[in-house]
Amino acid sequence: MCGRIAQHRALQLYLRYLAREQSQEPMPGERPIGRYNVPPGTLVHLIYQDGLELRSTEVKWGYAPAWAKGKRAPAINARLETAATSRFWKAIWGGGRSLVPADGWFEWLADADNAKRKQPYYLRLKTDEPMFFASIAAFPHGESAGGFAIITDDSDAGMVDIHDRRPVVLPVDVAREWLDPALSAHYAVDLARYHSLPTEAFEWYPVTTAVGSVRNDGPEMIAPLPPEDEALQESLSLF
């Protein structure tokens, strides 16, 4: 599952990184997005392809087709195993493939002795470079509000200890191919399943429990817990 992300760099930097341009540092006048605790239900920057051009827009995190609205809550994740064939996603799988530029995401690990106590972890690339989540979206137009979901797949060894699902994170070249409107649905599934970044590309560490409240934001949300705080939280889990 992926239910909270960080998207704090400048949008232009993500776009340059995706285009493999040489300058991958912030440029004068570029304002960081500055969101370190992005929850579902809010507008999030997405990247998509229009013709041969990369474009971006803000789309609400959470999607439901017209026939499902009012019957179930918008879905924030789409399972890779079924997204291409499910009636729920059918309308947007072909023309709605997009990318969520991000810097990391959060998962909560339940205490083995107290399921009510959960420790948040922040997951990012070991290189701390921008990452691109595969997503599908209904883009807003006219009176339509649109909506999107992040594609998820099974976690494998190591990361499964944090959560049994994880967002599909695509390398830059694969991410560009994912955006191609001419890409067939079948090949898009194979692309996401067999060419996403492996567990070995990521690292994760515990962060402040303050990230549990969507009212909290700022760089401190993704800062590693100091060793003394980790020790304190471990001791509390014994009671």
C-alpha atoms as a PDB file:
ATOM      1  CA  MET A   1       0.000   0.000   0.000  1.00  0.00           C
ATOM      2  CA  CYS A   2       1.039   3.600  -0.469  1.00  0.00           C
ATOM      3  CA  GLY A   3      -1.023   6.034   1.566  1.00  0.00           C
ATOM      4  CA  ARG A   4       1.304   8.956   2.264  1.00  0.00           C
ATOM      5  CA  ILE A   5       4.132  10.433   0.197  1.00  0.00           C
ATOM      6  CA  ALA A   6       6.690  13.248   0.169  1.00  0.00           C
ATOM      7  CA  GLN A   7       6.894  15.594  -2.821  1.00  0.00           C
ATOM      8  CA  HIS A   8       9.151  18.435  -1.748  1.00  0.00           C
ATOM      9  CA  ARG A   9      11.497  19.264  -4.641  1.00  0.00           C
ATOM     10  CA  ALA A  10      10.708  21.829  -7.357  1.00  0.00           C
ATOM     11  CA  LEU A  11       8.404  20.507 -10.073  1.00  0.00           C
ATOM     12  CA  GLN A  12      10.817  21.726 -12.766  1.00  0.00           C
ATOM     13  CA  LEU A  13      13.582  19.631 -11.225  1.00  0.00           C
ATOM     14  CA  TYR A  14      11.486  16.442 -11.503  1.00  0.00           C
ATOM     15  CA  LEU A  15      10.763  17.268 -15.131  1.00  0.00           C
ATOM     16  CA  ARG A  16      14.433  17.866 -15.933  1.00  0.00           C
ATOM     17  CA  TYR A  17      15.396  14.662 -14.198  1.00  0.00           C
ATOM     18  CA  LEU A  18      12.805  12.734 -16.211  1.00  0.00           C
ATOM     19  CA  ALA A  19      14.062  14.325 -19.424  1.00  0.00           C
ATOM     20  CA  ARG A  20      17.643  13.445 -18.417  1.00  0.00           C
ATOM     21  CA  GLU A  21      18.755  17.038 -18.777  1.00  0.00           C
ATOM     22  CA  GLN A  22      22.158  17.890 -17.364  1.00  0.00           C
ATOM     23  CA  SER A  23      21.029  20.388 -14.738  1.00  0.00           C
ATOM     24  CA  GLN A  24      19.435  18.474 -11.882  1.00  0.00           C
ATOM     25  CA  GLU A  25      19.921  21.160  -9.268  1.00  0.00           C
ATOM     26  CA  PRO A  26      17.345  23.828  -8.335  1.00  0.00           C
ATOM     27  CA  MET A  27      17.501  26.836 -10.637  1.00  0.00           C
ATOM     28  CA  PRO A  28      17.004  30.470  -9.582  1.00  0.00           C
ATOM     29  CA  GLY A  29      13.320  31.280  -9.215  1.00  0.00           C
ATOM     30  CA  GLU A  30      12.182  27.659  -8.956  1.00  0.00           C
ATOM     31  CA  ARG A  31      10.059  27.141  -5.877  1.00  0.00           C
ATOM     32  CA  PRO A  32      10.043  23.745  -4.187  1.00  0.00           C
ATOM     33  CA  ILE A  33       6.678  22.079  -3.858  1.00  0.00           C
ATOM     34  CA  GLY A  34       7.626  21.729  -0.200  1.00  0.00           C
ATOM     35  CA  ARG A  35       5.225  18.969   0.831  1.00  0.00           C
ATOM     36  CA  TYR A  36       6.705  16.390   3.182  1.00  0.00           C
ATOM     37  CA  ASN A  37       3.502  14.682   4.311  1.00  0.00           C
ATOM     38  CA  VAL A  38       1.104  14.410   1.365  1.00  0.00           C
ATOM     39  CA  PRO A  39      -2.150  12.560   2.159  1.00  0.00           C
ATOM     40  CA  PRO A  40      -4.851  11.099  -0.097  1.00  0.00           C
ATOM     41  CA  GLY A  41      -7.733  13.373  -0.962  1.00  0.00           C
ATOM     42  CA  THR A  42      -5.464  16.326  -1.757  1.00  0.00           C
ATOM     43  CA  LEU A  43      -4.214  17.727  -5.063  1.00  0.00           C
ATOM     44  CA  VAL A  44      -0.899  16.185  -6.104  1.00  0.00           C
ATOM     45  CA  HIS A  45       1.412  17.064  -9.014  1.00  0.00           C
ATOM     46  CA  LEU A  46       1.305  14.437 -11.789  1.00  0.00           C
ATOM     47  CA  ILE A  47       3.364  14.173 -14.984  1.00  0.00           C
ATOM     48  CA  TYR A  48       1.872  12.896 -18.235  1.00  0.00           C
ATOM     49  CA  GLN A  49       2.685  12.910 -21.938  1.00  0.00           C
ATOM     50  CA  ASP A  50       0.802  15.076 -24.417  1.00  0.00           C
ATOM     51  CA  GLY A  51       1.962  14.187 -27.906  1.00  0.00           C
ATOM     52  CA  LEU A  52       5.740  14.254 -27.556  1.00  0.00           C
ATOM     53  CA  GLU A  53       5.723  16.757 -24.691  1.00  0.00           C
ATOM     54  CA  LEU A  54       5.920  16.131 -20.960  1.00  0.00           C
ATOM     55  CA  ARG A  55       3.307  18.084 -19.048  1.00  0.00           C
ATOM     56  CA  SER A  56       2.206  18.362 -15.455  1.00  0.00           C
ATOM     57  CA  THR A  57      -1.017  19.107 -13.664  1.00  0.00           C
ATOM     58  CA  GLU A  58      -2.511  18.723 -10.203  1.00  0.00           C
ATOM     59  CA  VAL A  59      -4.970  15.872  -9.707  1.00  0.00           C
ATOM     60  CA  LYS A  60      -6.819  14.746  -6.594  1.00  0.00           C
ATOM     61  CA  TRP A  61      -5.382  11.599  -5.017  1.00  0.00           C
ATOM     62  CA  GLY A  62      -8.214   9.060  -5.137  1.00  0.00           C
ATOM     63  CA  TYR A  63     -10.265   7.751  -8.042  1.00  0.00           C
ATOM     64  CA  ALA A  64     -13.644   6.135  -8.633  1.00  0.00           C
ATOM     65  CA  PRO A  65     -15.420   5.704 -11.980  1.00  0.00           C
ATOM     66  CA  ALA A  66     -18.743   7.487 -12.384  1.00  0.00           C
ATOM     67  CA  TRP A  67     -20.759   4.307 -11.820  1.00  0.00           C
ATOM     68  CA  ALA A  68     -19.007   3.653  -8.480  1.00  0.00           C
ATOM     69  CA  LYS A  69     -19.297   7.112  -6.974  1.00  0.00           C
ATOM     70  CA  GLY A  70     -21.436   7.102  -3.876  1.00  0.00           C
ATOM     71  CA  LYS A  71     -21.118   3.327  -3.629  1.00  0.00           C
ATOM     72  CA  ARG A  72     -17.530   3.118  -2.432  1.00  0.00           C
ATOM     73  CA  ALA A  73     -14.744   5.438  -1.380  1.00  0.00           C
ATOM     74  CA  PRO A  74     -12.264   6.558  -4.052  1.00  0.00           C
ATOM     75  CA  ALA A  75      -9.352   4.126  -4.386  1.00  0.00           C
ATOM     76  CA  ILE A  76      -5.891   5.569  -3.723  1.00  0.00           C
ATOM     77  CA  ASN A  77      -3.985   2.502  -4.984  1.00  0.00           C
ATOM     78  CA  ALA A  78      -4.513   0.215  -7.986  1.00  0.00           C
ATOM     79  CA  ARG A  79      -3.200  -3.347  -7.835  1.00  0.00           C
ATOM     80  CA  LEU A  80      -0.919  -4.092 -10.765  1.00  0.00           C
ATOM     81  CA  GLU A  81      -2.280  -7.638 -10.926  1.00  0.00           C
ATOM     82  CA  THR A  82      -5.787  -6.465 -11.862  1.00  0.00           C
ATOM     83  CA  ALA A  83      -5.640  -2.816 -12.945  1.00  0.00           C
ATOM     84  CA  ALA A  84      -5.449  -3.506 -16.685  1.00  0.00           C
ATOM     85  CA  THR A  85      -8.476  -5.837 -16.698  1.00  0.00           C
ATOM     86  CA  SER A  86     -10.663  -4.587 -13.861  1.00  0.00           C
ATOM     87  CA  ARG A  87     -13.911  -2.825 -14.742  1.00  0.00           C
ATOM     88  CA  PHE A  88     -13.066  -0.282 -12.057  1.00  0.00           C
ATOM     89  CA  TRP A  89      -9.926   0.936 -13.857  1.00  0.00           C
ATOM     90  CA  LYS A  90     -10.807   0.138 -17.471  1.00  0.00           C
ATOM     91  CA  ALA A  91     -11.726   3.699 -18.470  1.00  0.00           C
ATOM     92  CA  ILE A  92      -8.364   5.202 -17.468  1.00  0.00           C
ATOM     93  CA  TRP A  93      -5.802   2.425 -17.924  1.00  0.00           C
ATOM     94  CA  GLY A  94      -5.101   3.222 -21.574  1.00  0.00           C
ATOM     95  CA  GLY A  95      -5.201   7.015 -21.659  1.00  0.00           C
ATOM     96  CA  GLY A  96      -4.503   7.798 -18.021  1.00  0.00           C
ATOM     97  CA  ARG A  97      -1.049   6.384 -17.472  1.00  0.00           C
ATOM     98  CA  SER A  98       0.963   8.996 -15.623  1.00  0.00           C
ATOM     99  CA  LEU A  99       3.718   9.457 -13.057  1.00  0.00           C
ATOM    100  CA  VAL A 100       3.754  10.798  -9.537  1.00  0.00           C
ATOM    101  CA  PRO A 101       7.130  12.491  -8.986  1.00  0.00           C
ATOM    102  CA  ALA A 102       8.127  11.903  -5.382  1.00  0.00           C
ATOM    103  CA  ASP A 103      10.990  11.812  -2.946  1.00  0.00           C
ATOM    104  CA  GLY A 104       9.724   8.986  -0.762  1.00  0.00           C
ATOM    105  CA  TRP A 105       6.725   7.409   0.899  1.00  0.00           C
ATOM    106  CA  PHE A 106       5.646   6.292   4.365  1.00  0.00           C
ATOM    107  CA  GLU A 107       4.553   2.980   5.831  1.00  0.00           C
ATOM    108  CA  TRP A 108       3.494   2.125   9.374  1.00  0.00           C
ATOM    109  CA  LEU A 109       4.835  -1.002  11.088  1.00  0.00           C
ATOM    110  CA  ALA A 110       2.746  -2.440  13.910  1.00  0.00           C
ATOM    111  CA  ASP A 111       4.478  -3.371  17.156  1.00  0.00           C
ATOM    112  CA  ALA A 112       4.692  -7.163  17.484  1.00  0.00           C
ATOM    113  CA  ASP A 113       3.434  -6.967  21.082  1.00  0.00           C
ATOM    114  CA  ASN A 114       0.923  -4.146  20.699  1.00  0.00           C
ATOM    115  CA  ALA A 115      -0.950  -3.829  17.402  1.00  0.00           C
ATOM    116  CA  LYS A 116      -2.274  -0.419  18.443  1.00  0.00           C
ATOM    117  CA  ARG A 117       1.244   0.973  18.498  1.00  0.00           C
ATOM    118  CA  LYS A 118       2.624   1.682  15.022  1.00  0.00           C
ATOM    119  CA  GLN A 119       5.974   3.115  14.032  1.00  0.00           C
ATOM    120  CA  PRO A 120       6.118   5.157  10.803  1.00  0.00           C
ATOM    121  CA  TYR A 121       8.971   4.493   8.388  1.00  0.00           C
ATOM    122  CA  TYR A 122      10.147   6.652   5.507  1.00  0.00           C
ATOM    123  CA  LEU A 123      11.240   4.837   2.340  1.00  0.00           C
ATOM    124  CA  ARG A 124      13.409   6.450  -0.333  1.00  0.00           C
ATOM    125  CA  LEU A 125      16.086   5.620  -2.895  1.00  0.00           C
ATOM    126  CA  LYS A 126      19.525   4.976  -1.409  1.00  0.00           C
ATOM    127  CA  THR A 127      20.804   7.707  -3.707  1.00  0.00           C
ATOM    128  CA  ASP A 128      18.080  10.076  -2.407  1.00  0.00           C
ATOM    129  CA  GLU A 129      17.273  10.911  -6.032  1.00  0.00           C
ATOM    130  CA  PRO A 130      13.739  11.747  -7.209  1.00  0.00           C
ATOM    131  CA  MET A 131      11.566   8.738  -7.950  1.00  0.00           C
ATOM    132  CA  PHE A 132       8.589   8.209 -10.222  1.00  0.00           C
ATOM    133  CA  PHE A 133       5.560   6.179  -9.155  1.00  0.00           C
ATOM    134  CA  ALA A 134       3.536   4.559 -11.910  1.00  0.00           C
ATOM    135  CA  SER A 135      -0.017   5.906 -11.691  1.00  0.00           C
ATOM    136  CA  ILE A 136      -3.270   6.043 -13.622  1.00  0.00           C
ATOM    137  CA  ALA A 137      -5.501   9.085 -13.678  1.00  0.00           C
ATOM    138  CA  ALA A 138      -8.693  10.645 -14.903  1.00  0.00           C
ATOM    139  CA  PHE A 139      -7.481  14.132 -15.683  1.00  0.00           C
ATOM    140  CA  PRO A 140      -9.761  17.005 -14.667  1.00  0.00           C
ATOM    141  CA  HIS A 141     -11.608  18.791 -17.467  1.00  0.00           C
ATOM    142  CA  GLY A 142     -14.691  20.974 -17.531  1.00  0.00           C
ATOM    143  CA  GLU A 143     -16.684  20.237 -14.395  1.00  0.00           C
ATOM    144  CA  SER A 144     -14.952  16.899 -13.843  1.00  0.00           C
ATOM    145  CA  ALA A 145     -12.659  16.877 -10.802  1.00  0.00           C
ATOM    146  CA  GLY A 146     -10.624  13.903 -11.995  1.00  0.00           C
ATOM    147  CA  GLY A 147      -8.638  11.637  -9.704  1.00  0.00           C
ATOM    148  CA  PHE A 148      -5.673   9.260  -9.693  1.00  0.00           C
ATOM    149  CA  ALA A 149      -4.291   6.159  -8.005  1.00  0.00           C
ATOM    150  CA  ILE A 150      -0.757   4.864  -7.508  1.00  0.00           C
ATOM    151  CA  ILE A 151       0.013   1.435  -8.961  1.00  0.00           C
ATOM    152  CA  THR A 152       1.197  -1.075  -6.337  1.00  0.00           C
ATOM    153  CA  ASP A 153       2.747  -4.527  -6.496  1.00  0.00           C
ATOM    154  CA  ASP A 154       3.832  -7.181  -3.994  1.00  0.00           C
ATOM    155  CA  SER A 155       6.839  -6.339  -1.870  1.00  0.00           C
ATOM    156  CA  ASP A 156       9.690  -8.829  -1.883  1.00  0.00           C
ATOM    157  CA  ALA A 157      12.419  -9.861   0.537  1.00  0.00           C
ATOM    158  CA  GLY A 158      13.382  -7.171   3.001  1.00  0.00           C
ATOM    159  CA  MET A 159      10.762  -4.573   2.184  1.00  0.00           C
ATOM    160  CA  VAL A 160       7.937  -7.027   2.949  1.00  0.00           C
ATOM    161  CA  ASP A 161       8.875  -6.624   6.626  1.00  0.00           C
ATOM    162  CA  ILE A 162       7.621  -3.045   6.378  1.00  0.00           C
ATOM    163  CA  HIS A 163       4.540  -3.724   4.224  1.00  0.00           C
ATOM    164  CA  ASP A 164       3.394  -6.473   1.870  1.00  0.00           C
ATOM    165  CA  ARG A 165       2.600  -3.953  -0.899  1.00  0.00           C
ATOM    166  CA  ARG A 166       4.713  -1.174  -2.353  1.00  0.00           C
ATOM    167  CA  PRO A 167       4.352   1.488  -5.067  1.00  0.00           C
ATOM    168  CA  VAL A 168       5.734   0.604  -8.485  1.00  0.00           C
ATOM    169  CA  VAL A 169       8.777   2.874  -8.847  1.00  0.00           C
ATOM    170  CA  LEU A 170      10.094   3.103 -12.398  1.00  0.00           C
ATOM    171  CA  PRO A 171      13.633   3.928 -13.560  1.00  0.00           C
ATOM    172  CA  VAL A 172      13.768   7.084 -15.669  1.00  0.00           C
ATOM    173  CA  ASP A 173      13.945   5.370 -19.079  1.00  0.00           C
ATOM    174  CA  VAL A 174      11.137   2.968 -18.169  1.00  0.00           C
ATOM    175  CA  ALA A 175       9.078   5.827 -16.739  1.00  0.00           C
ATOM    176  CA  ARG A 176       9.223   7.633 -20.080  1.00  0.00           C
ATOM    177  CA  GLU A 177       8.086   4.483 -21.867  1.00  0.00           C
ATOM    178  CA  TRP A 178       5.223   4.063 -19.375  1.00  0.00           C
ATOM    179  CA  LEU A 179       3.897   7.474 -20.417  1.00  0.00           C
ATOM    180  CA  ASP A 180       3.734   6.601 -24.123  1.00  0.00           C
ATOM    181  CA  PRO A 181       0.022   6.714 -25.108  1.00  0.00           C
ATOM    182  CA  ALA A 182       0.717   4.122 -27.821  1.00  0.00           C
ATOM    183  CA  LEU A 183       1.921   1.552 -25.281  1.00  0.00           C
ATOM    184  CA  SER A 184      -0.427  -1.444 -25.183  1.00  0.00           C
ATOM    185  CA  ALA A 185      -2.163  -2.357 -21.928  1.00  0.00           C
ATOM    186  CA  HIS A 186      -0.512  -5.781 -21.882  1.00  0.00           C
ATOM    187  CA  TYR A 187       2.988  -4.397 -22.374  1.00  0.00           C
ATOM    188  CA  ALA A 188       2.381  -1.677 -19.779  1.00  0.00           C
ATOM    189  CA  VAL A 189       1.700  -4.393 -17.191  1.00  0.00           C
ATOM    190  CA  ASP A 190       4.900  -6.240 -18.134  1.00  0.00           C
ATOM    191  CA  LEU A 191       6.834  -2.981 -18.029  1.00  0.00           C
ATOM    192  CA  ALA A 192       5.669  -2.211 -14.501  1.00  0.00           C
ATOM    193  CA  ARG A 193       6.055  -5.777 -13.243  1.00  0.00           C
ATOM    194  CA  TYR A 194       9.467  -6.684 -14.633  1.00  0.00           C
ATOM    195  CA  HIS A 195      11.259  -3.358 -14.976  1.00  0.00           C
ATOM    196  CA  SER A 196      10.468  -1.491 -11.761  1.00  0.00           C
ATOM    197  CA  LEU A 197      13.265  -0.727  -9.313  1.00  0.00           C
ATOM    198  CA  PRO A 198      14.210  -3.643  -7.016  1.00  0.00           C
ATOM    199  CA  THR A 199      14.164  -3.598  -3.237  1.00  0.00           C
ATOM    200  CA  GLU A 200      17.959  -3.210  -3.208  1.00  0.00           C
ATOM    201  CA  ALA A 201      17.565   0.322  -4.608  1.00  0.00           C
ATOM    202  CA  PHE A 202      15.750   1.549  -1.477  1.00  0.00           C
ATOM    203  CA  GLU A 203      16.433   2.291   2.144  1.00  0.00           C
ATOM    204  CA  TRP A 204      14.041   2.917   5.019  1.00  0.00           C
ATOM    205  CA  TYR A 205      14.276   4.240   8.541  1.00  0.00           C
ATOM    206  CA  PRO A 206      11.937   5.213  11.401  1.00  0.00           C
ATOM    207  CA  VAL A 207      10.643   8.789  11.572  1.00  0.00           C
ATOM    208  CA  THR A 208       8.595  10.853  13.969  1.00  0.00           C
ATOM    209  CA  THR A 209       5.087   9.683  14.827  1.00  0.00           C
ATOM    210  CA  ALA A 210       3.979  13.279  14.143  1.00  0.00           C
ATOM    211  CA  VAL A 211       3.696  12.269  10.473  1.00  0.00           C
ATOM    212  CA  GLY A 212       0.521  10.422  11.476  1.00  0.00           C
ATOM    213  CA  SER A 213      -1.347  13.746  11.506  1.00  0.00           C
ATOM    214  CA  VAL A 214      -1.916  15.371   8.120  1.00  0.00           C
ATOM    215  CA  ARG A 215      -1.712  18.752   9.863  1.00  0.00           C
ATOM    216  CA  ASN A 216       2.011  18.240  10.365  1.00  0.00           C
ATOM    217  CA  ASP A 217       4.396  19.037   7.529  1.00  0.00           C
ATOM    218  CA  GLY A 218       7.992  20.087   7.021  1.00  0.00           C
ATOM    219  CA  PRO A 219      11.469  18.534   6.636  1.00  0.00           C
ATOM    220  CA  GLU A 220      11.281  17.085  10.148  1.00  0.00           C
ATOM    221  CA  MET A 221       8.682  14.591   8.882  1.00  0.00           C
ATOM    222  CA  ILE A 222      11.324  12.733   6.859  1.00  0.00           C
ATOM    223  CA  ALA A 223      14.279  13.152   9.238  1.00  0.00           C
ATOM    224  CA  PRO A 224      15.629   9.901  10.751  1.00  0.00           C
ATOM    225  CA  LEU A 225      14.846   9.464  14.424  1.00  0.00           C
ATOM    226  CA  PRO A 226      17.843  10.250  16.621  1.00  0.00           C
ATOM    227  CA  PRO A 227      19.248   7.079  18.249  1.00  0.00           C
ATOM    228  CA  GLU A 228      17.974   8.130  21.670  1.00  0.00           C
ATOM    229  CA  ASP A 229      14.418   8.493  20.312  1.00  0.00           C
ATOM    230  CA  GLU A 230      14.599   5.056  18.690  1.00  0.00           C
ATOM    231  CA  ALA A 231      15.728   3.552  21.991  1.00  0.00           C
ATOM    232  CA  LEU A 232      12.898   5.309  23.843  1.00  0.00           C
ATOM    233  CA  GLN A 233      10.267   4.031  21.440  1.00  0.00           C
ATOM    234  CA  GLU A 234      11.659   0.492  21.691  1.00  0.00           C
ATOM    235  CA  SER A 235      11.485   0.655  25.485  1.00  0.00           C
ATOM    236  CA  LEU A 236       7.899   1.900  25.376  1.00  0.00           C
ATOM    237  CA  SER A 237       6.899  -1.062  23.228  1.00  0.00           C
ATOM    238  CA  LEU A 238       7.824  -3.353  26.133  1.00  0.00           C
ATOM    239  CA  PHE A 239       4.996  -2.035  28.328  1.00  0.00           C
END
